[in-house]
Amino acid sequence: MTVDNIVRLTTYLRDASHAEINGAARVAALGGRVIATTAIVVETLVSEWLVEIEVIAAG
């Protein structure tokens, strides 16, 4: 599978201040493809973790 198979992406951010850079990185990684996305601000289990990404793809 490739990024073309991604149909849904959820990003869990440790800090809301990362939202803008997260959005830019997502657009760049997906090559401008529009898919269903959600960004959620959460407390992480490990303080060094800045982001966790959940991806659903279909082939």
PDB file of N, CA and C in Angstrom:
ATOM      1  N   MET A   1       0.825  -1.178   0.000  1.00  0.00           N
ATOM      2  CA  MET A   1       0.000   0.000   0.000  1.00  0.00           C
ATOM      3  C   MET A   1       0.872   1.245   0.000  1.00  0.00           C
ATOM      4  N   THR A   2       0.296   2.336  -0.465  1.00  0.00           N
ATOM      5  CA  THR A   2       0.975   3.633  -0.479  1.00  0.00           C
ATOM      6  C   THR A   2       0.074   4.662   0.193  1.00  0.00           C
ATOM      7  N   VAL A   3       0.533   5.891   0.237  1.00  0.00           N
ATOM      8  CA  VAL A   3      -0.311   6.951   0.815  1.00  0.00           C
ATOM      9  C   VAL A   3      -1.602   7.125   0.030  1.00  0.00           C
ATOM     10  N   ASP A   4      -1.644   6.672  -1.197  1.00  0.00           N
ATOM     11  CA  ASP A   4      -2.874   6.757  -1.992  1.00  0.00           C
ATOM     12  C   ASP A   4      -3.981   5.870  -1.428  1.00  0.00           C
ATOM     13  N   ASN A   5      -3.624   4.890  -0.596  1.00  0.00           N
ATOM     14  CA  ASN A   5      -4.599   3.982   0.001  1.00  0.00           C
ATOM     15  C   ASN A   5      -5.165   4.504   1.328  1.00  0.00           C
ATOM     16  N   ILE A   6      -4.593   5.581   1.845  1.00  0.00           N
ATOM     17  CA  ILE A   6      -5.051   6.130   3.127  1.00  0.00           C
ATOM     18  C   ILE A   6      -6.434   6.756   2.947  1.00  0.00           C
ATOM     19  N   VAL A   7      -7.366   6.349   3.815  1.00  0.00           N
ATOM     20  CA  VAL A   7      -8.729   6.880   3.737  1.00  0.00           C
ATOM     21  C   VAL A   7      -9.110   7.673   4.984  1.00  0.00           C
ATOM     22  N   ARG A   8      -8.346   7.512   6.056  1.00  0.00           N
ATOM     23  CA  ARG A   8      -8.634   8.237   7.300  1.00  0.00           C
ATOM     24  C   ARG A   8      -7.367   8.356   8.113  1.00  0.00           C
ATOM     25  N   LEU A   9      -7.178   9.518   8.749  1.00  0.00           N
ATOM     26  CA  LEU A   9      -5.986   9.760   9.540  1.00  0.00           C
ATOM     27  C   LEU A   9      -6.373  10.515  10.808  1.00  0.00           C
ATOM     28  N   THR A  10      -5.954   9.993  11.948  1.00  0.00           N
ATOM     29  CA  THR A  10      -6.169  10.671  13.223  1.00  0.00           C
ATOM     30  C   THR A  10      -4.813  10.959  13.834  1.00  0.00           C
ATOM     31  N   THR A  11      -4.611  12.197  14.250  1.00  0.00           N
ATOM     32  CA  THR A  11      -3.372  12.610  14.877  1.00  0.00           C
ATOM     33  C   THR A  11      -3.652  13.002  16.315  1.00  0.00           C
ATOM     34  N   TYR A  12      -2.866  12.460  17.229  1.00  0.00           N
ATOM     35  CA  TYR A  12      -2.973  12.791  18.645  1.00  0.00           C
ATOM     36  C   TYR A  12      -1.771  13.670  19.000  1.00  0.00           C
ATOM     37  N   LEU A  13      -2.021  14.924  19.311  1.00  0.00           N
ATOM     38  CA  LEU A  13      -0.959  15.886  19.587  1.00  0.00           C
ATOM     39  C   LEU A  13      -0.796  16.085  21.085  1.00  0.00           C
ATOM     40  N   ARG A  14       0.424  16.173  21.531  1.00  0.00           N
ATOM     41  CA  ARG A  14       0.688  16.413  22.953  1.00  0.00           C
ATOM     42  C   ARG A  14       0.368  17.849  23.343  1.00  0.00           C
ATOM     43  N   ASP A  15       0.467  18.767  22.386  1.00  0.00           N
ATOM     44  CA  ASP A  15       0.262  20.185  22.675  1.00  0.00           C
ATOM     45  C   ASP A  15      -0.445  20.838  21.496  1.00  0.00           C
ATOM     46  N   ALA A  16      -1.447  21.652  21.768  1.00  0.00           N
ATOM     47  CA  ALA A  16      -2.209  22.313  20.706  1.00  0.00           C
ATOM     48  C   ALA A  16      -1.338  23.235  19.860  1.00  0.00           C
ATOM     49  N   SER A  17      -0.213  23.689  20.395  1.00  0.00           N
ATOM     50  CA  SER A  17       0.670  24.567  19.624  1.00  0.00           C
ATOM     51  C   SER A  17       1.288  23.851  18.426  1.00  0.00           C
ATOM     52  N   HIS A  18       1.197  22.526  18.372  1.00  0.00           N
ATOM     53  CA  HIS A  18       1.736  21.761  17.248  1.00  0.00           C
ATOM     54  C   HIS A  18       0.716  21.589  16.110  1.00  0.00           C
ATOM     55  N   ALA A  19      -0.473  22.126  16.258  1.00  0.00           N
ATOM     56  CA  ALA A  19      -1.534  21.910  15.271  1.00  0.00           C
ATOM     57  C   ALA A  19      -1.172  22.419  13.880  1.00  0.00           C
ATOM     58  N   GLU A  20      -0.614  23.602  13.798  1.00  0.00           N
ATOM     59  CA  GLU A  20      -0.299  24.173  12.480  1.00  0.00           C
ATOM     60  C   GLU A  20       0.781  23.367  11.761  1.00  0.00           C
ATOM     61  N   ILE A  21       1.859  23.039  12.448  1.00  0.00           N
ATOM     62  CA  ILE A  21       2.929  22.259  11.814  1.00  0.00           C
ATOM     63  C   ILE A  21       2.443  20.853  11.486  1.00  0.00           C
ATOM     64  N   ASN A  22       1.573  20.299  12.319  1.00  0.00           N
ATOM     65  CA  ASN A  22       0.983  18.995  12.036  1.00  0.00           C
ATOM     66  C   ASN A  22       0.172  19.042  10.745  1.00  0.00           C
ATOM     67  N   GLY A  23      -0.635  20.067  10.583  1.00  0.00           N
ATOM     68  CA  GLY A  23      -1.433  20.203   9.364  1.00  0.00           C
ATOM     69  C   GLY A  23      -0.564  20.316   8.123  1.00  0.00           C
ATOM     70  N   ALA A  24       0.487  21.112   8.220  1.00  0.00           N
ATOM     71  CA  ALA A  24       1.390  21.279   7.073  1.00  0.00           C
ATOM     72  C   ALA A  24       2.096  19.972   6.737  1.00  0.00           C
ATOM     73  N   ALA A  25       2.529  19.240   7.763  1.00  0.00           N
ATOM     74  CA  ALA A  25       3.199  17.959   7.530  1.00  0.00           C
ATOM     75  C   ALA A  25       2.242  16.953   6.903  1.00  0.00           C
ATOM     76  N   ARG A  26       0.996  16.952   7.352  1.00  0.00           N
ATOM     77  CA  ARG A  26      -0.012  16.031   6.805  1.00  0.00           C
ATOM     78  C   ARG A  26      -0.259  16.320   5.334  1.00  0.00           C
ATOM     79  N   VAL A  27      -0.442  17.590   4.978  1.00  0.00           N
ATOM     80  CA  VAL A  27      -0.680  17.962   3.581  1.00  0.00           C
ATOM     81  C   VAL A  27       0.512  17.565   2.715  1.00  0.00           C
ATOM     82  N   ALA A  28       1.707  17.815   3.207  1.00  0.00           N
ATOM     83  CA  ALA A  28       2.914  17.458   2.447  1.00  0.00           C
ATOM     84  C   ALA A  28       3.032  15.941   2.280  1.00  0.00           C
ATOM     85  N   ALA A  29       2.795  15.189   3.347  1.00  0.00           N
ATOM     86  CA  ALA A  29       2.921  13.729   3.288  1.00  0.00           C
ATOM     87  C   ALA A  29       1.888  13.099   2.366  1.00  0.00           C
ATOM     88  N   LEU A  30       0.696  13.696   2.315  1.00  0.00           N
ATOM     89  CA  LEU A  30      -0.374  13.144   1.481  1.00  0.00           C
ATOM     90  C   LEU A  30      -0.355  13.714   0.058  1.00  0.00           C
ATOM     91  N   GLY A  31       0.590  14.572  -0.232  1.00  0.00           N
ATOM     92  CA  GLY A  31       0.689  15.132  -1.572  1.00  0.00           C
ATOM     93  C   GLY A  31      -0.532  15.954  -1.957  1.00  0.00           C
ATOM     94  N   GLY A  32      -1.178  16.582  -0.967  1.00  0.00           N
ATOM     95  CA  GLY A  32      -2.343  17.414  -1.246  1.00  0.00           C
ATOM     96  C   GLY A  32      -3.659  16.650  -1.318  1.00  0.00           C
ATOM     97  N   ARG A  33      -3.624  15.315  -1.186  1.00  0.00           N
ATOM     98  CA  ARG A  33      -4.868  14.531  -1.203  1.00  0.00           C
ATOM     99  C   ARG A  33      -5.746  14.927  -0.034  1.00  0.00           C
ATOM    100  N   VAL A  34      -7.037  14.996  -0.267  1.00  0.00           N
ATOM    101  CA  VAL A  34      -7.988  15.337   0.783  1.00  0.00           C
ATOM    102  C   VAL A  34      -8.618  14.047   1.298  1.00  0.00           C
ATOM    103  N   ILE A  35      -8.446  13.798   2.605  1.00  0.00           N
ATOM    104  CA  ILE A  35      -9.040  12.619   3.242  1.00  0.00           C
ATOM    105  C   ILE A  35      -9.648  13.067   4.573  1.00  0.00           C
ATOM    106  N   ALA A  36     -10.428  12.185   5.178  1.00  0.00           N
ATOM    107  CA  ALA A  36     -10.988  12.483   6.497  1.00  0.00           C
ATOM    108  C   ALA A  36      -9.860  12.510   7.521  1.00  0.00           C
ATOM    109  N   THR A  37      -9.767  13.612   8.282  1.00  0.00           N
ATOM    110  CA  THR A  37      -8.718  13.743   9.285  1.00  0.00           C
ATOM    111  C   THR A  37      -9.296  14.303  10.579  1.00  0.00           C
ATOM    112  N   THR A  38      -8.653  13.938  11.667  1.00  0.00           N
ATOM    113  CA  THR A  38      -8.994  14.465  12.976  1.00  0.00           C
ATOM    114  C   THR A  38      -7.695  14.704  13.729  1.00  0.00           C
ATOM    115  N   ALA A  39      -7.615  15.821  14.450  1.00  0.00           N
ATOM    116  CA  ALA A  39      -6.480  16.093  15.332  1.00  0.00           C
ATOM    117  C   ALA A  39      -7.037  16.280  16.736  1.00  0.00           C
ATOM    118  N   ILE A  40      -6.456  15.570  17.686  1.00  0.00           N
ATOM    119  CA  ILE A  40      -6.914  15.586  19.063  1.00  0.00           C
ATOM    120  C   ILE A  40      -5.727  15.907  19.968  1.00  0.00           C
ATOM    121  N   VAL A  41      -5.931  16.812  20.923  1.00  0.00           N
ATOM    122  CA  VAL A  41      -4.877  17.123  21.889  1.00  0.00           C
ATOM    123  C   VAL A  41      -5.068  16.210  23.092  1.00  0.00           C
ATOM    124  N   VAL A  42      -3.997  15.487  23.466  1.00  0.00           N
ATOM    125  CA  VAL A  42      -4.070  14.495  24.534  1.00  0.00           C
ATOM    126  C   VAL A  42      -2.831  14.582  25.429  1.00  0.00           C
ATOM    127  N   GLU A  43      -2.933  13.970  26.570  1.00  0.00           N
ATOM    128  CA  GLU A  43      -1.762  13.785  27.423  1.00  0.00           C
ATOM    129  C   GLU A  43      -1.135  12.453  27.033  1.00  0.00           C
ATOM    130  N   THR A  44       0.158  12.461  26.739  1.00  0.00           N
ATOM    131  CA  THR A  44       0.836  11.226  26.325  1.00  0.00           C
ATOM    132  C   THR A  44       1.400  10.504  27.543  1.00  0.00           C
ATOM    133  N   LEU A  45       1.642   9.210  27.392  1.00  0.00           N
ATOM    134  CA  LEU A  45       2.201   8.409  28.467  1.00  0.00           C
ATOM    135  C   LEU A  45       3.677   8.695  28.700  1.00  0.00           C
ATOM    136  N   VAL A  46       4.359   9.100  27.639  1.00  0.00           N
ATOM    137  CA  VAL A  46       5.787   9.411  27.716  1.00  0.00           C
ATOM    138  C   VAL A  46       5.958  10.864  27.276  1.00  0.00           C
ATOM    139  N   SER A  47       6.587  11.681  28.105  1.00  0.00           N
ATOM    140  CA  SER A  47       6.669  13.120  27.828  1.00  0.00           C
ATOM    141  C   SER A  47       7.441  13.445  26.548  1.00  0.00           C
ATOM    142  N   GLU A  48       8.316  12.553  26.096  1.00  0.00           N
ATOM    143  CA  GLU A  48       9.084  12.803  24.870  1.00  0.00           C
ATOM    144  C   GLU A  48       8.233  12.636  23.607  1.00  0.00           C
ATOM    145  N   TRP A  49       7.106  11.943  23.724  1.00  0.00           N
ATOM    146  CA  TRP A  49       6.243  11.736  22.565  1.00  0.00           C
ATOM    147  C   TRP A  49       5.518  13.033  22.263  1.00  0.00           C
ATOM    148  N   LEU A  50       5.655  13.533  21.054  1.00  0.00           N
ATOM    149  CA  LEU A  50       4.982  14.766  20.644  1.00  0.00           C
ATOM    150  C   LEU A  50       3.722  14.480  19.837  1.00  0.00           C
ATOM    151  N   VAL A  51       3.710  13.349  19.144  1.00  0.00           N
ATOM    152  CA  VAL A  51       2.586  13.041  18.264  1.00  0.00           C
ATOM    153  C   VAL A  51       2.438  11.527  18.131  1.00  0.00           C
ATOM    154  N   GLU A  52       1.210  11.102  17.989  1.00  0.00           N
ATOM    155  CA  GLU A  52       0.914   9.706  17.648  1.00  0.00           C
ATOM    156  C   GLU A  52      -0.054   9.760  16.478  1.00  0.00           C
ATOM    157  N   ILE A  53       0.139   8.909  15.501  1.00  0.00           N
ATOM    158  CA  ILE A  53      -0.684   8.940  14.290  1.00  0.00           C
ATOM    159  C   ILE A  53      -1.353   7.590  14.096  1.00  0.00           C
ATOM    160  N   GLU A  54      -2.658   7.628  13.844  1.00  0.00           N
ATOM    161  CA  GLU A  54      -3.424   6.430  13.524  1.00  0.00           C
ATOM    162  C   GLU A  54      -3.883   6.567  12.069  1.00  0.00           C
ATOM    163  N   VAL A  55      -3.575   5.584  11.263  1.00  0.00           N
ATOM    164  CA  VAL A  55      -3.904   5.634   9.830  1.00  0.00           C
ATOM    165  C   VAL A  55      -4.757   4.434   9.462  1.00  0.00           C
ATOM    166  N   ILE A  56      -5.804   4.683   8.691  1.00  0.00           N
ATOM    167  CA  ILE A  56      -6.633   3.614   8.147  1.00  0.00           C
ATOM    168  C   ILE A  56      -6.479   3.658   6.629  1.00  0.00           C
ATOM    169  N   ALA A  57      -6.113   2.521   6.074  1.00  0.00           N
ATOM    170  CA  ALA A  57      -5.927   2.422   4.629  1.00  0.00           C
ATOM    171  C   ALA A  57      -6.795   1.296   4.080  1.00  0.00           C
ATOM    172  N   ALA A  58      -7.154   1.432   2.833  1.00  0.00           N
ATOM    173  CA  ALA A  58      -7.963   0.404   2.164  1.00  0.00           C
ATOM    174  C   ALA A  58      -7.340   0.080   0.817  1.00  0.00           C
ATOM    175  N   GLY A  59      -7.340  -1.158   0.493  1.00  0.00           N
ATOM    176  CA  GLY A  59      -6.733  -1.578  -0.757  1.00  0.00           C
ATOM    177  C   GLY A  59      -7.718  -2.197  -1.591  1.00  0.00           C
TER     178      GLY A  59
END
